[in-house]
Amino acid sequence: MEFKSVAIDGPAGAGKSTLARRAAQALGFLYVDTGAIYRTVALKALRSGVDPEQAEQVVPLLEGLNIRMTYGQDGEQKMYLDGEDVTQAIREHRISGVASKVSAIPQVRAFLLDFQRQQAREHNVIMDGRDIGTVVLPQADVKVFLTAAAELRAKRRLLELEQRGQQGTYEEILRDIVKRDELDRNRPISPLRQAEDAVCLDTSQLDLEQSLQALLSIIKEKIEL
């Protein structure tokens, strides 16, 4: 059986996870949140007290790294670190910056590359991240570059944090998003960029439902379902 794959890339806070999850549910695909995988490595680095910008401190953590990804009956992706369910812990605001730093380390990206590709070999997937269409799944059937204005992304992220009962300010989140955009676009390994054959979807003027319908329309144009 030949499985289908949809690659969704874009900057932090663009709504990739929410839209990819909703689209996967609508299509009966497996949703793979690659950002959650990097966030789990970031949490390991944070708990181990290492400097996430120093490869010589982070790389040794990869040996024997115990991370696992499972799916609930509702299709929700869950992440485990050393046997502990860290699905909620990795969504804390402090993890975002650490994840961006560890994901810039070549050895970390190489370590997780096959882990991600394995999912696409075994399932119909919608996978989101920063380099899915350019590096992880360059032969994906559908590639979408999802974006929105930084100010709007900051407002959405603040609302997301509030819904989880976490603290944050708009100014702080906007500053972090702008900084993360710069880090992601300028890292030497797998920088954030739109694949040449990707469709750009700017959701700045769209609400959640309109964004979802636009995404589904793009997918259905490319894949016969």
C-alpha atoms as a PDB file:
ATOM      1  CA  MET A   1       0.000   0.000   0.000  1.00  0.00           C
ATOM      2  CA  GLU A   2       1.286   3.425  -0.936  1.00  0.00           C
ATOM      3  CA  PHE A   3       0.763   5.921   1.858  1.00  0.00           C
ATOM      4  CA  LYS A   4       0.082   9.618   1.297  1.00  0.00           C
ATOM      5  CA  SER A   5       1.908  12.412   3.067  1.00  0.00           C
ATOM      6  CA  VAL A   6       1.163  16.084   3.676  1.00  0.00           C
ATOM      7  CA  ALA A   7       3.996  18.364   4.825  1.00  0.00           C
ATOM      8  CA  ILE A   8       3.097  21.599   6.617  1.00  0.00           C
ATOM      9  CA  ASP A   9       5.859  24.062   7.418  1.00  0.00           C
ATOM     10  CA  GLY A  10       5.783  27.553   8.833  1.00  0.00           C
ATOM     11  CA  PRO A  11       6.970  29.869  11.605  1.00  0.00           C
ATOM     12  CA  ALA A  12       6.173  29.584  15.319  1.00  0.00           C
ATOM     13  CA  GLY A  13       2.596  30.314  16.281  1.00  0.00           C
ATOM     14  CA  ALA A  14       1.189  30.034  12.768  1.00  0.00           C
ATOM     15  CA  GLY A  15      -1.376  27.475  13.905  1.00  0.00           C
ATOM     16  CA  LYS A  16       0.311  24.510  12.247  1.00  0.00           C
ATOM     17  CA  SER A  17      -0.428  22.044  15.038  1.00  0.00           C
ATOM     18  CA  THR A  18      -4.080  22.987  15.441  1.00  0.00           C
ATOM     19  CA  LEU A  19      -4.827  22.991  11.725  1.00  0.00           C
ATOM     20  CA  ALA A  20      -2.785  19.873  10.955  1.00  0.00           C
ATOM     21  CA  ARG A  21      -4.524  17.972  13.764  1.00  0.00           C
ATOM     22  CA  ARG A  22      -7.982  19.065  12.607  1.00  0.00           C
ATOM     23  CA  ALA A  23      -7.199  18.246   8.967  1.00  0.00           C
ATOM     24  CA  ALA A  24      -5.857  14.813   9.914  1.00  0.00           C
ATOM     25  CA  GLN A  25      -9.033  14.048  11.840  1.00  0.00           C
ATOM     26  CA  ALA A  26     -11.159  15.146   8.877  1.00  0.00           C
ATOM     27  CA  LEU A  27      -9.196  12.988   6.425  1.00  0.00           C
ATOM     28  CA  GLY A  28      -8.501   9.970   8.636  1.00  0.00           C
ATOM     29  CA  PHE A  29      -4.729  10.586   8.483  1.00  0.00           C
ATOM     30  CA  LEU A  30      -2.198  10.250  11.303  1.00  0.00           C
ATOM     31  CA  TYR A  31      -1.091  13.622  12.658  1.00  0.00           C
ATOM     32  CA  VAL A  32       2.613  13.915  13.480  1.00  0.00           C
ATOM     33  CA  ASP A  33       3.623  17.001  15.461  1.00  0.00           C
ATOM     34  CA  THR A  34       7.385  17.084  14.951  1.00  0.00           C
ATOM     35  CA  GLY A  35       7.689  20.190  17.105  1.00  0.00           C
ATOM     36  CA  ALA A  36       6.533  18.080  20.055  1.00  0.00           C
ATOM     37  CA  ILE A  37       9.415  15.687  19.422  1.00  0.00           C
ATOM     38  CA  TYR A  38      11.972  18.518  19.550  1.00  0.00           C
ATOM     39  CA  ARG A  39      10.230  19.981  22.586  1.00  0.00           C
ATOM     40  CA  THR A  40      10.669  16.643  24.350  1.00  0.00           C
ATOM     41  CA  VAL A  41      14.414  16.724  23.660  1.00  0.00           C
ATOM     42  CA  ALA A  42      14.411  20.336  24.894  1.00  0.00           C
ATOM     43  CA  LEU A  43      12.714  19.270  28.125  1.00  0.00           C
ATOM     44  CA  LYS A  44      15.369  16.592  28.598  1.00  0.00           C
ATOM     45  CA  ALA A  45      18.088  19.206  28.128  1.00  0.00           C
ATOM     46  CA  LEU A  46      16.377  21.578  30.547  1.00  0.00           C
ATOM     47  CA  ARG A  47      15.967  18.895  33.206  1.00  0.00           C
ATOM     48  CA  SER A  48      19.564  17.791  32.745  1.00  0.00           C
ATOM     49  CA  GLY A  49      20.847  21.300  33.371  1.00  0.00           C
ATOM     50  CA  VAL A  50      22.818  21.555  30.112  1.00  0.00           C
ATOM     51  CA  ASP A  51      23.238  24.614  27.916  1.00  0.00           C
ATOM     52  CA  PRO A  52      20.900  24.030  24.919  1.00  0.00           C
ATOM     53  CA  GLU A  53      23.181  26.067  22.671  1.00  0.00           C
ATOM     54  CA  GLN A  54      26.226  23.911  23.386  1.00  0.00           C
ATOM     55  CA  ALA A  55      26.238  20.823  21.163  1.00  0.00           C
ATOM     56  CA  GLU A  56      28.950  19.150  23.249  1.00  0.00           C
ATOM     57  CA  GLN A  57      26.557  19.234  26.228  1.00  0.00           C
ATOM     58  CA  VAL A  58      23.365  18.265  24.384  1.00  0.00           C
ATOM     59  CA  VAL A  59      24.650  15.506  22.071  1.00  0.00           C
ATOM     60  CA  PRO A  60      25.629  13.100  24.897  1.00  0.00           C
ATOM     61  CA  LEU A  61      21.971  13.153  26.001  1.00  0.00           C
ATOM     62  CA  LEU A  62      20.975  11.459  22.741  1.00  0.00           C
ATOM     63  CA  GLU A  63      22.668   8.221  23.735  1.00  0.00           C
ATOM     64  CA  GLY A  64      20.045   6.262  25.578  1.00  0.00           C
ATOM     65  CA  LEU A  65      17.441   8.995  25.088  1.00  0.00           C
ATOM     66  CA  ASN A  66      14.096   7.412  25.940  1.00  0.00           C
ATOM     67  CA  ILE A  67      11.352   9.202  24.015  1.00  0.00           C
ATOM     68  CA  ARG A  68       8.166   7.622  22.752  1.00  0.00           C
ATOM     69  CA  MET A  69       5.194   8.827  20.753  1.00  0.00           C
ATOM     70  CA  THR A  70       1.742   7.267  21.066  1.00  0.00           C
ATOM     71  CA  TYR A  71      -1.787   8.125  20.003  1.00  0.00           C
ATOM     72  CA  GLY A  72      -4.947   8.104  22.086  1.00  0.00           C
ATOM     73  CA  GLN A  73      -8.302   6.824  20.868  1.00  0.00           C
ATOM     74  CA  ASP A  74      -9.132  10.394  19.847  1.00  0.00           C
ATOM     75  CA  GLY A  75      -6.016  10.501  17.663  1.00  0.00           C
ATOM     76  CA  GLU A  76      -4.262  12.882  20.039  1.00  0.00           C
ATOM     77  CA  GLN A  77      -0.465  12.570  19.938  1.00  0.00           C
ATOM     78  CA  LYS A  78       1.155  11.972  23.312  1.00  0.00           C
ATOM     79  CA  MET A  79       4.851  12.324  24.090  1.00  0.00           C
ATOM     80  CA  TYR A  80       6.715  10.327  26.726  1.00  0.00           C
ATOM     81  CA  LEU A  81      10.139  11.062  28.184  1.00  0.00           C
ATOM     82  CA  ASP A  82      11.787   8.383  30.319  1.00  0.00           C
ATOM     83  CA  GLY A  83       8.383   6.737  30.701  1.00  0.00           C
ATOM     84  CA  GLU A  84       6.645   9.942  31.850  1.00  0.00           C
ATOM     85  CA  ASP A  85       3.776  11.506  29.899  1.00  0.00           C
ATOM     86  CA  VAL A  86       5.154  14.995  29.131  1.00  0.00           C
ATOM     87  CA  THR A  87       2.472  16.007  26.609  1.00  0.00           C
ATOM     88  CA  GLN A  88       1.469  19.010  28.726  1.00  0.00           C
ATOM     89  CA  ALA A  89       4.890  19.770  30.216  1.00  0.00           C
ATOM     90  CA  ILE A  90       6.462  20.380  26.793  1.00  0.00           C
ATOM     91  CA  ARG A  91       3.861  23.085  26.058  1.00  0.00           C
ATOM     92  CA  GLU A  92       5.125  25.389  28.785  1.00  0.00           C
ATOM     93  CA  HIS A  93       6.236  28.703  27.307  1.00  0.00           C
ATOM     94  CA  ARG A  94       9.846  28.320  28.520  1.00  0.00           C
ATOM     95  CA  ILE A  95      10.271  25.195  26.364  1.00  0.00           C
ATOM     96  CA  SER A  96       9.801  27.078  23.063  1.00  0.00           C
ATOM     97  CA  GLY A  97      13.129  28.897  23.132  1.00  0.00           C
ATOM     98  CA  VAL A  98      15.025  25.828  24.299  1.00  0.00           C
ATOM     99  CA  ALA A  99      13.457  23.731  21.514  1.00  0.00           C
ATOM    100  CA  SER A 100      14.591  26.239  18.906  1.00  0.00           C
ATOM    101  CA  LYS A 101      18.157  26.038  20.236  1.00  0.00           C
ATOM    102  CA  VAL A 102      18.455  22.256  20.435  1.00  0.00           C
ATOM    103  CA  SER A 103      16.834  21.887  17.001  1.00  0.00           C
ATOM    104  CA  ALA A 104      19.661  23.948  15.514  1.00  0.00           C
ATOM    105  CA  ILE A 105      22.182  21.252  16.523  1.00  0.00           C
ATOM    106  CA  PRO A 106      22.932  19.025  13.478  1.00  0.00           C
ATOM    107  CA  GLN A 107      23.332  15.841  15.529  1.00  0.00           C
ATOM    108  CA  VAL A 108      19.906  16.326  17.105  1.00  0.00           C
ATOM    109  CA  ARG A 109      18.233  16.793  13.725  1.00  0.00           C
ATOM    110  CA  ALA A 110      20.018  13.759  12.272  1.00  0.00           C
ATOM    111  CA  PHE A 111      19.060  11.655  15.295  1.00  0.00           C
ATOM    112  CA  LEU A 112      15.356  12.475  14.921  1.00  0.00           C
ATOM    113  CA  LEU A 113      15.156  12.390  11.118  1.00  0.00           C
ATOM    114  CA  ASP A 114      14.459   8.667  10.693  1.00  0.00           C
ATOM    115  CA  PHE A 115      12.159   8.708  13.719  1.00  0.00           C
ATOM    116  CA  GLN A 116       9.974  11.143  11.771  1.00  0.00           C
ATOM    117  CA  ARG A 117      10.265   9.469   8.367  1.00  0.00           C
ATOM    118  CA  GLN A 118       9.276   6.111   9.838  1.00  0.00           C
ATOM    119  CA  GLN A 119       5.799   7.464  10.537  1.00  0.00           C
ATOM    120  CA  ALA A 120       5.305   8.376   6.870  1.00  0.00           C
ATOM    121  CA  ARG A 121       6.483   4.937   5.763  1.00  0.00           C
ATOM    122  CA  GLU A 122       3.800   3.262   7.871  1.00  0.00           C
ATOM    123  CA  HIS A 123       0.796   5.622   7.713  1.00  0.00           C
ATOM    124  CA  ASN A 124      -1.019   8.298   5.755  1.00  0.00           C
ATOM    125  CA  VAL A 125       0.336  11.339   7.581  1.00  0.00           C
ATOM    126  CA  ILE A 126       0.001  15.047   8.006  1.00  0.00           C
ATOM    127  CA  MET A 127       3.282  16.204   9.489  1.00  0.00           C
ATOM    128  CA  ASP A 128       4.092  19.736  10.587  1.00  0.00           C
ATOM    129  CA  GLY A 129       7.312  21.453  11.539  1.00  0.00           C
ATOM    130  CA  ARG A 130       9.972  23.772  10.123  1.00  0.00           C
ATOM    131  CA  ASP A 131      11.679  21.609   7.486  1.00  0.00           C
ATOM    132  CA  ILE A 132       9.181  18.876   6.636  1.00  0.00           C
ATOM    133  CA  GLY A 133       8.725  19.723   2.961  1.00  0.00           C
ATOM    134  CA  THR A 134      12.369  20.636   2.421  1.00  0.00           C
ATOM    135  CA  VAL A 135      14.236  17.957   4.403  1.00  0.00           C
ATOM    136  CA  VAL A 136      12.134  15.392   6.256  1.00  0.00           C
ATOM    137  CA  LEU A 137       9.611  14.564   3.501  1.00  0.00           C
ATOM    138  CA  PRO A 138      10.909  16.236   0.323  1.00  0.00           C
ATOM    139  CA  GLN A 139       8.752  13.866  -1.770  1.00  0.00           C
ATOM    140  CA  ALA A 140       5.529  14.643   0.142  1.00  0.00           C
ATOM    141  CA  ASP A 141       2.368  14.516  -1.956  1.00  0.00           C
ATOM    142  CA  VAL A 142       1.275  17.909  -0.637  1.00  0.00           C
ATOM    143  CA  LYS A 143       3.401  20.736   0.752  1.00  0.00           C
ATOM    144  CA  VAL A 144       1.922  23.755   2.492  1.00  0.00           C
ATOM    145  CA  PHE A 145       3.742  26.755   3.963  1.00  0.00           C
ATOM    146  CA  LEU A 146       1.455  28.109   6.670  1.00  0.00           C
ATOM    147  CA  THR A 147       2.076  31.629   7.917  1.00  0.00           C
ATOM    148  CA  ALA A 148       0.500  34.710   9.505  1.00  0.00           C
ATOM    149  CA  ALA A 149       1.617  38.131  10.719  1.00  0.00           C
ATOM    150  CA  ALA A 150       3.867  37.955  13.805  1.00  0.00           C
ATOM    151  CA  GLU A 151       1.491  40.152  15.836  1.00  0.00           C
ATOM    152  CA  LEU A 152      -1.422  37.855  15.127  1.00  0.00           C
ATOM    153  CA  ARG A 153       0.641  34.779  15.926  1.00  0.00           C
ATOM    154  CA  ALA A 154       1.554  36.311  19.299  1.00  0.00           C
ATOM    155  CA  LYS A 155      -2.121  36.948  20.111  1.00  0.00           C
ATOM    156  CA  ARG A 156      -3.025  33.376  19.195  1.00  0.00           C
ATOM    157  CA  ARG A 157      -0.198  31.944  21.294  1.00  0.00           C
ATOM    158  CA  LEU A 158      -1.208  34.083  24.280  1.00  0.00           C
ATOM    159  CA  LEU A 159      -4.782  32.795  24.024  1.00  0.00           C
ATOM    160  CA  GLU A 160      -3.465  29.226  23.780  1.00  0.00           C
ATOM    161  CA  LEU A 161      -1.407  29.680  26.955  1.00  0.00           C
ATOM    162  CA  GLU A 162      -4.338  31.226  28.815  1.00  0.00           C
ATOM    163  CA  GLN A 163      -6.537  28.284  27.851  1.00  0.00           C
ATOM    164  CA  ARG A 164      -3.931  25.973  29.410  1.00  0.00           C
ATOM    165  CA  GLY A 165      -3.824  28.070  32.556  1.00  0.00           C
ATOM    166  CA  GLN A 166      -0.275  29.256  31.874  1.00  0.00           C
ATOM    167  CA  GLN A 167       1.184  32.742  32.301  1.00  0.00           C
ATOM    168  CA  GLY A 168       2.517  35.055  29.620  1.00  0.00           C
ATOM    169  CA  THR A 169       2.262  38.593  28.264  1.00  0.00           C
ATOM    170  CA  TYR A 170       1.639  39.687  24.692  1.00  0.00           C
ATOM    171  CA  GLU A 171       4.856  41.722  24.596  1.00  0.00           C
ATOM    172  CA  GLU A 172       6.951  38.823  25.868  1.00  0.00           C
ATOM    173  CA  ILE A 173       5.412  36.335  23.454  1.00  0.00           C
ATOM    174  CA  LEU A 174       5.738  38.668  20.447  1.00  0.00           C
ATOM    175  CA  ARG A 175       9.404  39.261  21.306  1.00  0.00           C
ATOM    176  CA  ASP A 176      10.001  35.513  21.586  1.00  0.00           C
ATOM    177  CA  ILE A 177       8.227  34.787  18.288  1.00  0.00           C
ATOM    178  CA  VAL A 178      10.260  37.398  16.407  1.00  0.00           C
ATOM    179  CA  LYS A 179      13.469  36.016  17.950  1.00  0.00           C
ATOM    180  CA  ARG A 180      12.503  32.427  17.134  1.00  0.00           C
ATOM    181  CA  ASP A 181      11.673  33.383  13.535  1.00  0.00           C
ATOM    182  CA  GLU A 182      15.179  34.817  13.209  1.00  0.00           C
ATOM    183  CA  LEU A 183      16.788  31.729  14.748  1.00  0.00           C
ATOM    184  CA  ASP A 184      14.782  29.315  12.594  1.00  0.00           C
ATOM    185  CA  ARG A 185      15.442  31.175   9.339  1.00  0.00           C
ATOM    186  CA  ASN A 186      19.149  31.667   9.936  1.00  0.00           C
ATOM    187  CA  ARG A 187      20.257  28.366  11.450  1.00  0.00           C
ATOM    188  CA  PRO A 188      22.874  26.660   9.264  1.00  0.00           C
ATOM    189  CA  ILE A 189      21.126  23.273   9.263  1.00  0.00           C
ATOM    190  CA  SER A 190      17.610  22.899   7.791  1.00  0.00           C
ATOM    191  CA  PRO A 191      16.572  26.556   8.062  1.00  0.00           C
ATOM    192  CA  LEU A 192      12.910  27.509   7.891  1.00  0.00           C
ATOM    193  CA  ARG A 193      12.007  28.244   4.281  1.00  0.00           C
ATOM    194  CA  GLN A 194       9.166  27.602   1.884  1.00  0.00           C
ATOM    195  CA  ALA A 195       9.757  24.632  -0.404  1.00  0.00           C
ATOM    196  CA  GLU A 196       9.675  25.603  -4.063  1.00  0.00           C
ATOM    197  CA  ASP A 197       6.649  23.390  -4.717  1.00  0.00           C
ATOM    198  CA  ALA A 198       4.766  24.366  -1.538  1.00  0.00           C
ATOM    199  CA  VAL A 199       1.496  26.281  -1.523  1.00  0.00           C
ATOM    200  CA  CYS A 200       1.644  29.339   0.754  1.00  0.00           C
ATOM    201  CA  LEU A 201      -1.381  29.725   3.022  1.00  0.00           C
ATOM    202  CA  ASP A 202      -1.493  33.038   4.928  1.00  0.00           C
ATOM    203  CA  THR A 203      -4.168  32.872   7.622  1.00  0.00           C
ATOM    204  CA  SER A 204      -3.809  36.467   8.851  1.00  0.00           C
ATOM    205  CA  GLN A 205      -7.284  37.338   7.583  1.00  0.00           C
ATOM    206  CA  LEU A 206      -8.900  33.955   8.268  1.00  0.00           C
ATOM    207  CA  ASP A 207     -10.485  32.507  11.382  1.00  0.00           C
ATOM    208  CA  LEU A 208      -9.847  28.904  12.451  1.00  0.00           C
ATOM    209  CA  GLU A 209     -12.673  27.353  10.448  1.00  0.00           C
ATOM    210  CA  GLN A 210     -11.823  29.326   7.313  1.00  0.00           C
ATOM    211  CA  SER A 211      -8.168  28.348   7.666  1.00  0.00           C
ATOM    212  CA  LEU A 212      -9.097  24.683   8.046  1.00  0.00           C
ATOM    213  CA  GLN A 213     -11.303  24.712   4.959  1.00  0.00           C
ATOM    214  CA  ALA A 214      -8.560  26.442   2.961  1.00  0.00           C
ATOM    215  CA  LEU A 215      -6.042  23.799   4.060  1.00  0.00           C
ATOM    216  CA  LEU A 216      -8.394  20.909   3.254  1.00  0.00           C
ATOM    217  CA  SER A 217      -9.082  22.420  -0.148  1.00  0.00           C
ATOM    218  CA  ILE A 218      -5.356  22.527  -0.947  1.00  0.00           C
ATOM    219  CA  ILE A 219      -4.898  18.913   0.152  1.00  0.00           C
ATOM    220  CA  LYS A 220      -7.884  17.612  -1.781  1.00  0.00           C
ATOM    221  CA  GLU A 221      -6.696  19.360  -4.941  1.00  0.00           C
ATOM    222  CA  LYS A 222      -3.418  17.420  -4.749  1.00  0.00           C
ATOM    223  CA  ILE A 223      -4.561  14.034  -3.415  1.00  0.00           C
ATOM    224  CA  GLU A 224      -7.397  11.907  -4.672  1.00  0.00           C
ATOM    225  CA  LEU A 225      -9.240  10.805  -1.543  1.00  0.00           C
END
